[in-house]
C-alpha cells in the first residue's frame, strides 16, 4: 500500500510519485491512496498514464477522493484503465471530484470493458 492521503501533494507530487513507479511495470497489485491532496486534472492524467503501463496488474485499489479532477480528470483516469487487460479486482474511491456526467460516463464505459 502507498498511503499518501491528506498530504497536499498536488499535481507535482503526483508527477514525482509517477516517476518513482514508472519502472515497476511488472506489478500485479497496487493500492494507492491519494485522497485529499489537491490533485487536479493534470495529476489525474499523470496517475492514469502510469497505471496504464502496468499491463500485468490484476488488483487495483485507487482512492483519489476529495481532490479537484473535474470531468476531464475522470476521462483521463478512464483512459488509463482501458489497457489493463489482466485486471480482475478494481476498487475506485473517487467521491468529491466534480466528475459530472461526462466523467462518470467515461469511467462506466472503461470499467464495463475490463475482464473481471
Foldseek 3Di string as FASTA:
>chain_A
DAADAPPQCELVNLLVVLVVQQVVLQDQEDAHAHAHNQYELNSLLSVLVSLLSNQNHAYYHYEHAQYAHAQNSLLSNLVSLQSNQNYDYYHYHYYNHNNPPNSVVSNVVSVVPHDD
